[in-house]
């Protein structure tokens, strides 16, 4: 059976929202990304961008936030199970931070490309 119970289904949403809230409460960078994302979507509305451009911006905003949550998850997991100053742990954390940085830069470039005609 695919759908076993309504209570279990509701519970999964509760746990997901709880995880998102915990991320927001504990991660400063996530707040920054969220504020920037809201600003980007406000500007998309203000400049009355085409629907497909709004969708592209929304995709990049949410995926950048998701990348930061993934980075936090990996760091938390490594800190929990490998609390030492292991070089491999440092490399993994640095690579995850690099992933978020790269994705943020790409998102910024996409935003500049989309907003450029309106900013000139």
PDB file of N, CA and C in Angstrom:
ATOM      1  N   UNK A   1       0.838  -1.177   0.000  1.00  0.00           N
ATOM      2  CA  UNK A   1       0.000   0.000   0.000  1.00  0.00           C
ATOM      3  C   UNK A   1       0.889   1.250   0.000  1.00  0.00           C
ATOM      4  N   UNK A   2       0.618   2.149  -0.892  1.00  0.00           N
ATOM      5  CA  UNK A   2       1.418   3.361  -1.024  1.00  0.00           C
ATOM      6  C   UNK A   2       1.109   4.354   0.083  1.00  0.00           C
ATOM      7  N   UNK A   3      -0.139   4.571   0.358  1.00  0.00           N
ATOM      8  CA  UNK A   3      -0.555   5.551   1.368  1.00  0.00           C
ATOM      9  C   UNK A   3      -1.056   4.782   2.580  1.00  0.00           C
ATOM     10  N   UNK A   4      -0.227   4.703   3.634  1.00  0.00           N
ATOM     11  CA  UNK A   4      -0.571   3.846   4.764  1.00  0.00           C
ATOM     12  C   UNK A   4      -1.490   4.512   5.785  1.00  0.00           C
ATOM     13  N   UNK A   5      -1.251   5.786   6.099  1.00  0.00           N
ATOM     14  CA  UNK A   5      -2.143   6.441   7.047  1.00  0.00           C
ATOM     15  C   UNK A   5      -2.023   7.957   6.932  1.00  0.00           C
ATOM     16  N   UNK A   6      -3.136   8.608   7.216  1.00  0.00           N
ATOM     17  CA  UNK A   6      -3.176  10.062   7.174  1.00  0.00           C
ATOM     18  C   UNK A   6      -2.280  10.656   8.252  1.00  0.00           C
ATOM     19  N   UNK A   7      -2.262  10.049   9.445  1.00  0.00           N
ATOM     20  CA  UNK A   7      -1.434  10.560  10.544  1.00  0.00           C
ATOM     21  C   UNK A   7       0.044  10.502  10.188  1.00  0.00           C
ATOM     22  N   UNK A   8       0.474   9.426   9.585  1.00  0.00           N
ATOM     23  CA  UNK A   8       1.875   9.297   9.174  1.00  0.00           C
ATOM     24  C   UNK A   8       2.216  10.335   8.113  1.00  0.00           C
ATOM     25  N   UNK A   9       1.291  10.560   7.190  1.00  0.00           N
ATOM     26  CA  UNK A   9       1.475  11.553   6.129  1.00  0.00           C
ATOM     27  C   UNK A   9       1.607  12.951   6.727  1.00  0.00           C
ATOM     28  N   UNK A  10       0.711  13.308   7.652  1.00  0.00           N
ATOM     29  CA  UNK A  10       0.788  14.611   8.322  1.00  0.00           C
ATOM     30  C   UNK A  10       2.080  14.734   9.126  1.00  0.00           C
ATOM     31  N   UNK A  11       2.473  13.653   9.774  1.00  0.00           N
ATOM     32  CA  UNK A  11       3.700  13.650  10.558  1.00  0.00           C
ATOM     33  C   UNK A  11       4.916  13.961   9.717  1.00  0.00           C
ATOM     34  N   UNK A  12       4.951  13.424   8.495  1.00  0.00           N
ATOM     35  CA  UNK A  12       6.107  13.674   7.639  1.00  0.00           C
ATOM     36  C   UNK A  12       6.219  15.160   7.287  1.00  0.00           C
ATOM     37  N   UNK A  13       5.094  15.834   7.099  1.00  0.00           N
ATOM     38  CA  UNK A  13       5.130  17.274   6.850  1.00  0.00           C
ATOM     39  C   UNK A  13       5.575  18.035   8.090  1.00  0.00           C
ATOM     40  N   UNK A  14       5.111  17.609   9.252  1.00  0.00           N
ATOM     41  CA  UNK A  14       5.520  18.240  10.497  1.00  0.00           C
ATOM     42  C   UNK A  14       7.031  18.149  10.668  1.00  0.00           C
ATOM     43  N   UNK A  15       7.588  16.960  10.431  1.00  0.00           N
ATOM     44  CA  UNK A  15       9.031  16.777  10.579  1.00  0.00           C
ATOM     45  C   UNK A  15       9.805  17.607   9.557  1.00  0.00           C
ATOM     46  N   UNK A  16       9.282  17.698   8.347  1.00  0.00           N
ATOM     47  CA  UNK A  16       9.952  18.494   7.316  1.00  0.00           C
ATOM     48  C   UNK A  16       9.948  19.972   7.687  1.00  0.00           C
ATOM     49  N   UNK A  17       8.810  20.492   8.127  1.00  0.00           N
ATOM     50  CA  UNK A  17       8.736  21.901   8.546  1.00  0.00           C
ATOM     51  C   UNK A  17       9.617  22.162   9.754  1.00  0.00           C
ATOM     52  N   UNK A  18       9.658  21.181  10.651  1.00  0.00           N
ATOM     53  CA  UNK A  18      10.514  21.307  11.827  1.00  0.00           C
ATOM     54  C   UNK A  18      11.983  21.412  11.406  1.00  0.00           C
ATOM     55  N   UNK A  19      12.381  20.609  10.433  1.00  0.00           N
ATOM     56  CA  UNK A  19      13.753  20.663   9.929  1.00  0.00           C
ATOM     57  C   UNK A  19      14.066  21.985   9.258  1.00  0.00           C
ATOM     58  N   UNK A  20      13.123  22.491   8.468  1.00  0.00           N
ATOM     59  CA  UNK A  20      13.331  23.795   7.838  1.00  0.00           C
ATOM     60  C   UNK A  20      13.454  24.890   8.889  1.00  0.00           C
ATOM     61  N   UNK A  21      12.589  24.841   9.898  1.00  0.00           N
ATOM     62  CA  UNK A  21      12.630  25.860  10.946  1.00  0.00           C
ATOM     63  C   UNK A  21      13.948  25.790  11.710  1.00  0.00           C
ATOM     64  N   UNK A  22      14.399  24.585  12.042  1.00  0.00           N
ATOM     65  CA  UNK A  22      15.669  24.434  12.760  1.00  0.00           C
ATOM     66  C   UNK A  22      16.815  25.000  11.922  1.00  0.00           C
ATOM     67  N   UNK A  23      16.774  24.772  10.624  1.00  0.00           N
ATOM     68  CA  UNK A  23      17.800  25.326   9.743  1.00  0.00           C
ATOM     69  C   UNK A  23      17.788  26.846   9.791  1.00  0.00           C
ATOM     70  N   UNK A  24      16.594  27.432   9.741  1.00  0.00           N
ATOM     71  CA  UNK A  24      16.486  28.890   9.777  1.00  0.00           C
ATOM     72  C   UNK A  24      16.951  29.461  11.110  1.00  0.00           C
ATOM     73  N   UNK A  25      16.647  28.767  12.190  1.00  0.00           N
ATOM     74  CA  UNK A  25      16.996  29.260  13.515  1.00  0.00           C
ATOM     75  C   UNK A  25      18.500  29.198  13.759  1.00  0.00           C
ATOM     76  N   UNK A  26      19.160  28.193  13.202  1.00  0.00           N
ATOM     77  CA  UNK A  26      20.567  27.968  13.536  1.00  0.00           C
ATOM     78  C   UNK A  26      21.558  28.472  12.497  1.00  0.00           C
ATOM     79  N   UNK A  27      21.124  28.779  11.308  1.00  0.00           N
ATOM     80  CA  UNK A  27      22.062  29.099  10.232  1.00  0.00           C
ATOM     81  C   UNK A  27      21.907  30.533   9.734  1.00  0.00           C
ATOM     82  N   UNK A  28      22.896  31.360  10.040  1.00  0.00           N
ATOM     83  CA  UNK A  28      22.887  32.762   9.617  1.00  0.00           C
ATOM     84  C   UNK A  28      22.890  32.888   8.095  1.00  0.00           C
ATOM     85  N   UNK A  29      23.696  32.081   7.419  1.00  0.00           N
ATOM     86  CA  UNK A  29      23.775  32.175   5.961  1.00  0.00           C
ATOM     87  C   UNK A  29      22.445  31.857   5.297  1.00  0.00           C
ATOM     88  N   UNK A  30      21.679  30.969   5.901  1.00  0.00           N
ATOM     89  CA  UNK A  30      20.370  30.634   5.351  1.00  0.00           C
ATOM     90  C   UNK A  30      19.438  31.832   5.417  1.00  0.00           C
ATOM     91  N   UNK A  31      19.488  32.593   6.514  1.00  0.00           N
ATOM     92  CA  UNK A  31      18.685  33.812   6.623  1.00  0.00           C
ATOM     93  C   UNK A  31      19.069  34.815   5.546  1.00  0.00           C
ATOM     94  N   UNK A  32      20.368  34.957   5.330  1.00  0.00           N
ATOM     95  CA  UNK A  32      20.837  35.890   4.301  1.00  0.00           C
ATOM     96  C   UNK A  32      20.301  35.466   2.941  1.00  0.00           C
ATOM     97  N   UNK A  33      20.411  34.169   2.649  1.00  0.00           N
ATOM     98  CA  UNK A  33      19.914  33.664   1.357  1.00  0.00           C
ATOM     99  C   UNK A  33      18.407  33.838   1.237  1.00  0.00           C
ATOM    100  N   UNK A  34      17.690  33.633   2.327  1.00  0.00           N
ATOM    101  CA  UNK A  34      16.243  33.786   2.300  1.00  0.00           C
ATOM    102  C   UNK A  34      15.854  35.243   2.044  1.00  0.00           C
ATOM    103  N   UNK A  35      16.517  36.180   2.717  1.00  0.00           N
ATOM    104  CA  UNK A  35      16.221  37.604   2.513  1.00  0.00           C
ATOM    105  C   UNK A  35      16.548  38.020   1.084  1.00  0.00           C
ATOM    106  N   UNK A  36      17.692  37.589   0.580  1.00  0.00           N
ATOM    107  CA  UNK A  36      18.061  37.900  -0.809  1.00  0.00           C
ATOM    108  C   UNK A  36      17.049  37.275  -1.772  1.00  0.00           C
ATOM    109  N   UNK A  37      16.648  36.043  -1.494  1.00  0.00           N
ATOM    110  CA  UNK A  37      15.666  35.376  -2.345  1.00  0.00           C
ATOM    111  C   UNK A  37      14.339  36.109  -2.380  1.00  0.00           C
ATOM    112  N   UNK A  38      13.882  36.580  -1.221  1.00  0.00           N
ATOM    113  CA  UNK A  38      12.635  37.342  -1.174  1.00  0.00           C
ATOM    114  C   UNK A  38      12.792  38.647  -1.948  1.00  0.00           C
ATOM    115  N   UNK A  39      13.930  39.299  -1.804  1.00  0.00           N
ATOM    116  CA  UNK A  39      14.200  40.528  -2.552  1.00  0.00           C
ATOM    117  C   UNK A  39      14.187  40.260  -4.058  1.00  0.00           C
ATOM    118  N   UNK A  40      14.829  39.181  -4.483  1.00  0.00           N
ATOM    119  CA  UNK A  40      14.869  38.824  -5.912  1.00  0.00           C
ATOM    120  C   UNK A  40      13.451  38.605  -6.434  1.00  0.00           C
ATOM    121  N   UNK A  41      12.640  37.866  -5.689  1.00  0.00           N
ATOM    122  CA  UNK A  41      11.281  37.595  -6.158  1.00  0.00           C
ATOM    123  C   UNK A  41      10.427  38.864  -6.137  1.00  0.00           C
ATOM    124  N   UNK A  42      10.675  39.754  -5.171  1.00  0.00           N
ATOM    125  CA  UNK A  42       9.973  41.039  -5.166  1.00  0.00           C
ATOM    126  C   UNK A  42      10.352  41.847  -6.407  1.00  0.00           C
ATOM    127  N   UNK A  43      11.641  41.871  -6.743  1.00  0.00           N
ATOM    128  CA  UNK A  43      12.084  42.609  -7.935  1.00  0.00           C
ATOM    129  C   UNK A  43      11.502  41.998  -9.206  1.00  0.00           C
ATOM    130  N   UNK A  44      11.386  40.686  -9.234  1.00  0.00           N
ATOM    131  CA  UNK A  44      10.776  40.027 -10.393  1.00  0.00           C
ATOM    132  C   UNK A  44       9.329  40.494 -10.553  1.00  0.00           C
ATOM    133  N   UNK A  45       8.626  40.614  -9.433  1.00  0.00           N
ATOM    134  CA  UNK A  45       7.245  41.112  -9.474  1.00  0.00           C
ATOM    135  C   UNK A  45       7.227  42.597  -9.852  1.00  0.00           C
ATOM    136  N   UNK A  46       8.109  43.388  -9.254  1.00  0.00           N
ATOM    137  CA  UNK A  46       8.153  44.824  -9.479  1.00  0.00           C
ATOM    138  C   UNK A  46       8.424  45.148 -10.950  1.00  0.00           C
ATOM    139  N   UNK A  47       9.374  44.439 -11.540  1.00  0.00           N
ATOM    140  CA  UNK A  47       9.710  44.682 -12.943  1.00  0.00           C
ATOM    141  C   UNK A  47       8.797  43.923 -13.902  1.00  0.00           C
ATOM    142  N   UNK A  48       7.826  43.214 -13.356  1.00  0.00           N
ATOM    143  CA  UNK A  48       6.855  42.467 -14.155  1.00  0.00           C
ATOM    144  C   UNK A  48       7.552  41.568 -15.178  1.00  0.00           C
ATOM    145  N   UNK A  49       8.462  40.755 -14.672  1.00  0.00           N
ATOM    146  CA  UNK A  49       9.182  39.840 -15.548  1.00  0.00           C
ATOM    147  C   UNK A  49       8.236  38.800 -16.133  1.00  0.00           C
ATOM    148  N   UNK A  50       8.653  38.247 -17.254  1.00  0.00           N
ATOM    149  CA  UNK A  50       7.870  37.186 -17.868  1.00  0.00           C
ATOM    150  C   UNK A  50       7.809  35.995 -16.914  1.00  0.00           C
ATOM    151  N   UNK A  51       6.745  35.228 -17.026  1.00  0.00           N
ATOM    152  CA  UNK A  51       6.511  34.109 -16.120  1.00  0.00           C
ATOM    153  C   UNK A  51       7.662  33.115 -16.129  1.00  0.00           C
ATOM    154  N   UNK A  52       8.196  32.802 -17.312  1.00  0.00           N
ATOM    155  CA  UNK A  52       9.296  31.827 -17.374  1.00  0.00           C
ATOM    156  C   UNK A  52      10.553  32.356 -16.676  1.00  0.00           C
ATOM    157  N   UNK A  53      10.801  33.644 -16.723  1.00  0.00           N
ATOM    158  CA  UNK A  53      11.950  34.215 -16.012  1.00  0.00           C
ATOM    159  C   UNK A  53      11.720  34.168 -14.500  1.00  0.00           C
ATOM    160  N   UNK A  54      10.488  34.414 -14.079  1.00  0.00           N
ATOM    161  CA  UNK A  54      10.174  34.290 -12.654  1.00  0.00           C
ATOM    162  C   UNK A  54      10.396  32.855 -12.178  1.00  0.00           C
ATOM    163  N   UNK A  55      10.000  31.898 -12.986  1.00  0.00           N
ATOM    164  CA  UNK A  55      10.202  30.494 -12.624  1.00  0.00           C
ATOM    165  C   UNK A  55      11.683  30.143 -12.525  1.00  0.00           C
ATOM    166  N   UNK A  56      12.460  30.649 -13.453  1.00  0.00           N
ATOM    167  CA  UNK A  56      13.908  30.403 -13.407  1.00  0.00           C
ATOM    168  C   UNK A  56      14.501  30.995 -12.138  1.00  0.00           C
ATOM    169  N   UNK A  57      14.119  32.225 -11.814  1.00  0.00           N
ATOM    170  CA  UNK A  57      14.613  32.851 -10.585  1.00  0.00           C
ATOM    171  C   UNK A  57      14.183  32.063  -9.352  1.00  0.00           C
ATOM    172  N   UNK A  58      12.933  31.644  -9.323  1.00  0.00           N
ATOM    173  CA  UNK A  58      12.440  30.865  -8.187  1.00  0.00           C
ATOM    174  C   UNK A  58      13.209  29.552  -8.051  1.00  0.00           C
ATOM    175  N   UNK A  59      13.499  28.920  -9.165  1.00  0.00           N
ATOM    176  CA  UNK A  59      14.277  27.676  -9.144  1.00  0.00           C
ATOM    177  C   UNK A  59      15.671  27.913  -8.568  1.00  0.00           C
ATOM    178  N   UNK A  60      16.326  28.971  -8.989  1.00  0.00           N
ATOM    179  CA  UNK A  60      17.670  29.248  -8.488  1.00  0.00           C
ATOM    180  C   UNK A  60      17.651  29.699  -7.029  1.00  0.00           C
ATOM    181  N   UNK A  61      16.670  30.478  -6.644  1.00  0.00           N
ATOM    182  CA  UNK A  61      16.566  30.897  -5.239  1.00  0.00           C
ATOM    183  C   UNK A  61      16.377  29.679  -4.348  1.00  0.00           C
ATOM    184  N   UNK A  62      15.403  28.838  -4.678  1.00  0.00           N
ATOM    185  CA  UNK A  62      15.119  27.687  -3.821  1.00  0.00           C
ATOM    186  C   UNK A  62      16.244  26.655  -3.853  1.00  0.00           C
ATOM    187  N   UNK A  63      16.877  26.469  -4.985  1.00  0.00           N
ATOM    188  CA  UNK A  63      17.971  25.487  -5.038  1.00  0.00           C
ATOM    189  C   UNK A  63      19.205  25.992  -4.287  1.00  0.00           C
ATOM    190  N   UNK A  64      19.426  27.290  -4.260  1.00  0.00           N
ATOM    191  CA  UNK A  64      20.538  27.833  -3.473  1.00  0.00           C
ATOM    192  C   UNK A  64      20.266  27.640  -1.982  1.00  0.00           C
ATOM    193  N   UNK A  65      19.043  27.886  -1.565  1.00  0.00           N
ATOM    194  CA  UNK A  65      18.669  27.652  -0.171  1.00  0.00           C
ATOM    195  C   UNK A  65      18.787  26.167   0.164  1.00  0.00           C
ATOM    196  N   UNK A  66      18.338  25.319  -0.744  1.00  0.00           N
ATOM    197  CA  UNK A  66      18.444  23.869  -0.526  1.00  0.00           C
ATOM    198  C   UNK A  66      19.908  23.432  -0.438  1.00  0.00           C
ATOM    199  N   UNK A  67      20.775  24.030  -1.249  1.00  0.00           N
ATOM    200  CA  UNK A  67      22.200  23.702  -1.192  1.00  0.00           C
ATOM    201  C   UNK A  67      22.788  24.083   0.169  1.00  0.00           C
ATOM    202  N   UNK A  68      22.367  25.210   0.711  1.00  0.00           N
ATOM    203  CA  UNK A  68      22.846  25.625   2.030  1.00  0.00           C
ATOM    204  C   UNK A  68      22.346  24.680   3.118  1.00  0.00           C
ATOM    205  N   UNK A  69      21.102  24.234   2.997  1.00  0.00           N
ATOM    206  CA  UNK A  69      20.577  23.263   3.961  1.00  0.00           C
ATOM    207  C   UNK A  69      21.355  21.951   3.857  1.00  0.00           C
ATOM    208  N   UNK A  70      21.644  21.505   2.651  1.00  0.00           N
ATOM    209  CA  UNK A  70      22.438  20.284   2.460  1.00  0.00           C
ATOM    210  C   UNK A  70      23.826  20.443   3.064  1.00  0.00           C
ATOM    211  N   UNK A  71      24.449  21.581   2.856  1.00  0.00           N
ATOM    212  CA  UNK A  71      25.758  21.862   3.443  1.00  0.00           C
ATOM    213  C   UNK A  71      25.693  21.783   4.973  1.00  0.00           C
ATOM    214  N   UNK A  72      24.663  22.374   5.549  1.00  0.00           N
ATOM    215  CA  UNK A  72      24.477  22.336   6.999  1.00  0.00           C
ATOM    216  C   UNK A  72      24.289  20.899   7.478  1.00  0.00           C
ATOM    217  N   UNK A  73      23.512  20.131   6.739  1.00  0.00           N
ATOM    218  CA  UNK A  73      23.272  18.736   7.095  1.00  0.00           C
ATOM    219  C   UNK A  73      24.568  17.933   7.096  1.00  0.00           C
ATOM    220  N   UNK A  74      25.373  18.099   6.062  1.00  0.00           N
ATOM    221  CA  UNK A  74      26.641  17.370   5.977  1.00  0.00           C
ATOM    222  C   UNK A  74      27.567  17.795   7.117  1.00  0.00           C
ATOM    223  N   UNK A  75      27.674  19.098   7.371  1.00  0.00           N
ATOM    224  CA  UNK A  75      28.527  19.575   8.469  1.00  0.00           C
ATOM    225  C   UNK A  75      28.050  19.037   9.812  1.00  0.00           C
ATOM    226  N   UNK A  76      26.750  19.073  10.053  1.00  0.00           N
ATOM    227  CA  UNK A  76      26.200  18.581  11.304  1.00  0.00           C
ATOM    228  C   UNK A  76      26.481  17.090  11.473  1.00  0.00           C
ATOM    229  N   UNK A  77      26.272  16.337  10.406  1.00  0.00           N
ATOM    230  CA  UNK A  77      26.507  14.895  10.454  1.00  0.00           C
ATOM    231  C   UNK A  77      27.967  14.590  10.734  1.00  0.00           C
ATOM    232  N   UNK A  78      28.863  15.270  10.052  1.00  0.00           N
ATOM    233  CA  UNK A  78      30.287  15.040  10.272  1.00  0.00           C
ATOM    234  C   UNK A  78      30.708  15.442  11.685  1.00  0.00           C
ATOM    235  N   UNK A  79      30.200  16.569  12.157  1.00  0.00           N
ATOM    236  CA  UNK A  79      30.532  17.001  13.520  1.00  0.00           C
ATOM    237  C   UNK A  79      30.013  16.001  14.555  1.00  0.00           C
ATOM    238  N   UNK A  80      28.868  15.431  14.274  1.00  0.00           N
ATOM    239  CA  UNK A  80      28.249  14.486  15.212  1.00  0.00           C
ATOM    240  C   UNK A  80      29.013  13.163  15.269  1.00  0.00           C
ATOM    241  N   UNK A  81      29.417  12.645  14.110  1.00  0.00           N
ATOM    242  CA  UNK A  81      30.013  11.315  14.070  1.00  0.00           C
ATOM    243  C   UNK A  81      31.534  11.314  13.943  1.00  0.00           C
ATOM    244  N   UNK A  82      32.108  12.459  13.611  1.00  0.00           N
ATOM    245  CA  UNK A  82      33.565  12.594  13.510  1.00  0.00           C
ATOM    246  C   UNK A  82      33.978  13.932  14.131  1.00  0.00           C
ATOM    247  N   UNK A  83      33.855  14.073  15.441  1.00  0.00           N
ATOM    248  CA  UNK A  83      34.108  15.377  16.066  1.00  0.00           C
ATOM    249  C   UNK A  83      35.588  15.740  16.185  1.00  0.00           C
ATOM    250  N   UNK A  84      36.441  15.067  15.492  1.00  0.00           N
ATOM    251  CA  UNK A  84      37.868  15.379  15.561  1.00  0.00           C
ATOM    252  C   UNK A  84      38.238  16.391  14.487  1.00  0.00           C
ATOM    253  N   UNK A  85      39.495  16.751  14.452  1.00  0.00           N
ATOM    254  CA  UNK A  85      40.008  17.644  13.418  1.00  0.00           C
ATOM    255  C   UNK A  85      40.609  16.843  12.275  1.00  0.00           C
ATOM    256  N   UNK A  86      39.932  15.810  11.870  1.00  0.00           N
ATOM    257  CA  UNK A  86      40.381  14.921  10.804  1.00  0.00           C
ATOM    258  C   UNK A  86      40.478  15.688   9.483  1.00  0.00           C
ATOM    259  N   UNK A  87      41.573  15.489   8.762  1.00  0.00           N
ATOM    260  CA  UNK A  87      41.784  16.183   7.487  1.00  0.00           C
ATOM    261  C   UNK A  87      40.700  15.819   6.471  1.00  0.00           C
ATOM    262  N   UNK A  88      40.266  14.564   6.450  1.00  0.00           N
ATOM    263  CA  UNK A  88      39.224  14.157   5.511  1.00  0.00           C
ATOM    264  C   UNK A  88      37.908  14.882   5.792  1.00  0.00           C
ATOM    265  N   UNK A  89      37.593  15.052   7.066  1.00  0.00           N
ATOM    266  CA  UNK A  89      36.376  15.782   7.442  1.00  0.00           C
ATOM    267  C   UNK A  89      36.477  17.228   6.981  1.00  0.00           C
ATOM    268  N   UNK A  90      37.630  17.841   7.174  1.00  0.00           N
ATOM    269  CA  UNK A  90      37.836  19.221   6.729  1.00  0.00           C
ATOM    270  C   UNK A  90      37.673  19.333   5.219  1.00  0.00           C
ATOM    271  N   UNK A  91      38.216  18.372   4.491  1.00  0.00           N
ATOM    272  CA  UNK A  91      38.117  18.396   3.029  1.00  0.00           C
ATOM    273  C   UNK A  91      36.653  18.302   2.589  1.00  0.00           C
ATOM    274  N   UNK A  92      35.904  17.400   3.218  1.00  0.00           N
ATOM    275  CA  UNK A  92      34.485  17.253   2.862  1.00  0.00           C
ATOM    276  C   UNK A  92      33.726  18.540   3.156  1.00  0.00           C
ATOM    277  N   UNK A  93      33.953  19.124   4.318  1.00  0.00           N
ATOM    278  CA  UNK A  93      33.271  20.375   4.668  1.00  0.00           C
ATOM    279  C   UNK A  93      33.651  21.496   3.696  1.00  0.00           C
ATOM    280  N   UNK A  94      34.924  21.584   3.363  1.00  0.00           N
ATOM    281  CA  UNK A  94      35.369  22.617   2.425  1.00  0.00           C
ATOM    282  C   UNK A  94      34.759  22.407   1.047  1.00  0.00           C
ATOM    283  N   UNK A  95      34.659  21.166   0.622  1.00  0.00           N
ATOM    284  CA  UNK A  95      34.066  20.887  -0.686  1.00  0.00           C
ATOM    285  C   UNK A  95      32.577  21.231  -0.704  1.00  0.00           C
ATOM    286  N   UNK A  96      31.882  20.942   0.392  1.00  0.00           N
ATOM    287  CA  UNK A  96      30.464  21.307   0.475  1.00  0.00           C
ATOM    288  C   UNK A  96      30.300  22.830   0.460  1.00  0.00           C
ATOM    289  N   UNK A  97      31.164  23.525   1.198  1.00  0.00           N
ATOM    290  CA  UNK A  97      31.110  24.989   1.188  1.00  0.00           C
ATOM    291  C   UNK A  97      31.412  25.515  -0.218  1.00  0.00           C
ATOM    292  N   UNK A  98      32.348  24.893  -0.894  1.00  0.00           N
ATOM    293  CA  UNK A  98      32.664  25.272  -2.272  1.00  0.00           C
ATOM    294  C   UNK A  98      31.487  25.036  -3.205  1.00  0.00           C
ATOM    295  N   UNK A  99      30.775  23.935  -2.991  1.00  0.00           N
ATOM    296  CA  UNK A  99      29.580  23.644  -3.787  1.00  0.00           C
ATOM    297  C   UNK A  99      28.544  24.760  -3.627  1.00  0.00           C
ATOM    298  N   UNK A 100      28.293  25.165  -2.380  1.00  0.00           N
ATOM    299  CA  UNK A 100      27.312  26.232  -2.120  1.00  0.00           C
ATOM    300  C   UNK A 100      27.795  27.550  -2.720  1.00  0.00           C
ATOM    301  N   UNK A 101      29.080  27.834  -2.577  1.00  0.00           N
ATOM    302  CA  UNK A 101      29.628  29.063  -3.161  1.00  0.00           C
ATOM    303  C   UNK A 101      29.473  29.067  -4.670  1.00  0.00           C
ATOM    304  N   UNK A 102      29.835  27.965  -5.324  1.00  0.00           N
ATOM    305  CA  UNK A 102      29.709  27.875  -6.780  1.00  0.00           C
ATOM    306  C   UNK A 102      28.258  28.053  -7.210  1.00  0.00           C
ATOM    307  N   UNK A 103      27.340  27.367  -6.524  1.00  0.00           N
ATOM    308  CA  UNK A 103      25.930  27.475  -6.889  1.00  0.00           C
ATOM    309  C   UNK A 103      25.417  28.897  -6.657  1.00  0.00           C
ATOM    310  N   UNK A 104      25.879  29.543  -5.606  1.00  0.00           N
ATOM    311  CA  UNK A 104      25.475  30.929  -5.329  1.00  0.00           C
ATOM    312  C   UNK A 104      25.986  31.866  -6.411  1.00  0.00           C
ATOM    313  N   UNK A 105      27.208  31.652  -6.871  1.00  0.00           N
ATOM    314  CA  UNK A 105      27.767  32.484  -7.940  1.00  0.00           C
ATOM    315  C   UNK A 105      26.988  32.291  -9.230  1.00  0.00           C
ATOM    316  N   UNK A 106      26.687  31.045  -9.562  1.00  0.00           N
ATOM    317  CA  UNK A 106      25.902  30.771 -10.770  1.00  0.00           C
ATOM    318  C   UNK A 106      24.523  31.421 -10.650  1.00  0.00           C
ATOM    319  N   UNK A 107      23.911  31.333  -9.475  1.00  0.00           N
ATOM    320  CA  UNK A 107      22.603  31.961  -9.263  1.00  0.00           C
ATOM    321  C   UNK A 107      22.685  33.470  -9.432  1.00  0.00           C
ATOM    322  N   UNK A 108      23.752  34.069  -8.912  1.00  0.00           N
ATOM    323  CA  UNK A 108      23.954  35.503  -9.067  1.00  0.00           C
ATOM    324  C   UNK A 108      24.090  35.876 -10.546  1.00  0.00           C
ATOM    325  N   UNK A 109      24.861  35.110 -11.290  1.00  0.00           N
ATOM    326  CA  UNK A 109      25.048  35.388 -12.717  1.00  0.00           C
ATOM    327  C   UNK A 109      23.720  35.271 -13.460  1.00  0.00           C
ATOM    328  N   UNK A 110      22.947  34.241 -13.161  1.00  0.00           N
ATOM    329  CA  UNK A 110      21.636  34.080 -13.800  1.00  0.00           C
ATOM    330  C   UNK A 110      20.752  35.282 -13.462  1.00  0.00           C
ATOM    331  N   UNK A 111      20.766  35.707 -12.196  1.00  0.00           N
ATOM    332  CA  UNK A 111      19.974  36.871 -11.802  1.00  0.00           C
ATOM    333  C   UNK A 111      20.402  38.129 -12.535  1.00  0.00           C
ATOM    334  N   UNK A 112      21.705  38.325 -12.669  1.00  0.00           N
ATOM    335  CA  UNK A 112      22.207  39.507 -13.392  1.00  0.00           C
ATOM    336  C   UNK A 112      21.763  39.456 -14.848  1.00  0.00           C
ATOM    337  N   UNK A 113      21.873  38.297 -15.472  1.00  0.00           N
ATOM    338  CA  UNK A 113      21.459  38.158 -16.868  1.00  0.00           C
ATOM    339  C   UNK A 113      19.972  38.483 -17.025  1.00  0.00           C
ATOM    340  N   UNK A 114      19.158  37.982 -16.109  1.00  0.00           N
ATOM    341  CA  UNK A 114      17.707  38.215 -16.223  1.00  0.00           C
ATOM    342  C   UNK A 114      17.350  39.676 -15.925  1.00  0.00           C
ATOM    343  N   UNK A 115      17.981  40.271 -14.911  1.00  0.00           N
ATOM    344  CA  UNK A 115      17.628  41.641 -14.527  1.00  0.00           C
ATOM    345  C   UNK A 115      18.374  42.715 -15.320  1.00  0.00           C
ATOM    346  N   UNK A 116      19.423  42.367 -16.040  1.00  0.00           N
ATOM    347  CA  UNK A 116      20.249  43.365 -16.723  1.00  0.00           C
ATOM    348  C   UNK A 116      19.451  44.363 -17.563  1.00  0.00           C
ATOM    349  N   UNK A 117      18.531  43.914 -18.394  1.00  0.00           N
ATOM    350  CA  UNK A 117      17.776  44.895 -19.206  1.00  0.00           C
ATOM    351  C   UNK A 117      16.982  45.906 -18.364  1.00  0.00           C
ATOM    352  N   UNK A 118      16.644  45.536 -17.132  1.00  0.00           N
ATOM    353  CA  UNK A 118      15.844  46.419 -16.273  1.00  0.00           C
ATOM    354  C   UNK A 118      16.715  47.322 -15.412  1.00  0.00           C
ATOM    355  N   UNK A 119      17.986  47.029 -15.329  1.00  0.00           N
ATOM    356  CA  UNK A 119      18.892  47.802 -14.470  1.00  0.00           C
ATOM    357  C   UNK A 119      19.693  48.820 -15.241  1.00  0.00           C
ATOM    358  N   UNK A 120      19.629  48.794 -16.558  1.00  0.00           N
ATOM    359  CA  UNK A 120      20.420  49.730 -17.362  1.00  0.00           C
ATOM    360  C   UNK A 120      19.744  51.063 -17.471  1.00  0.00           C
TER     361      UNK A 120
END
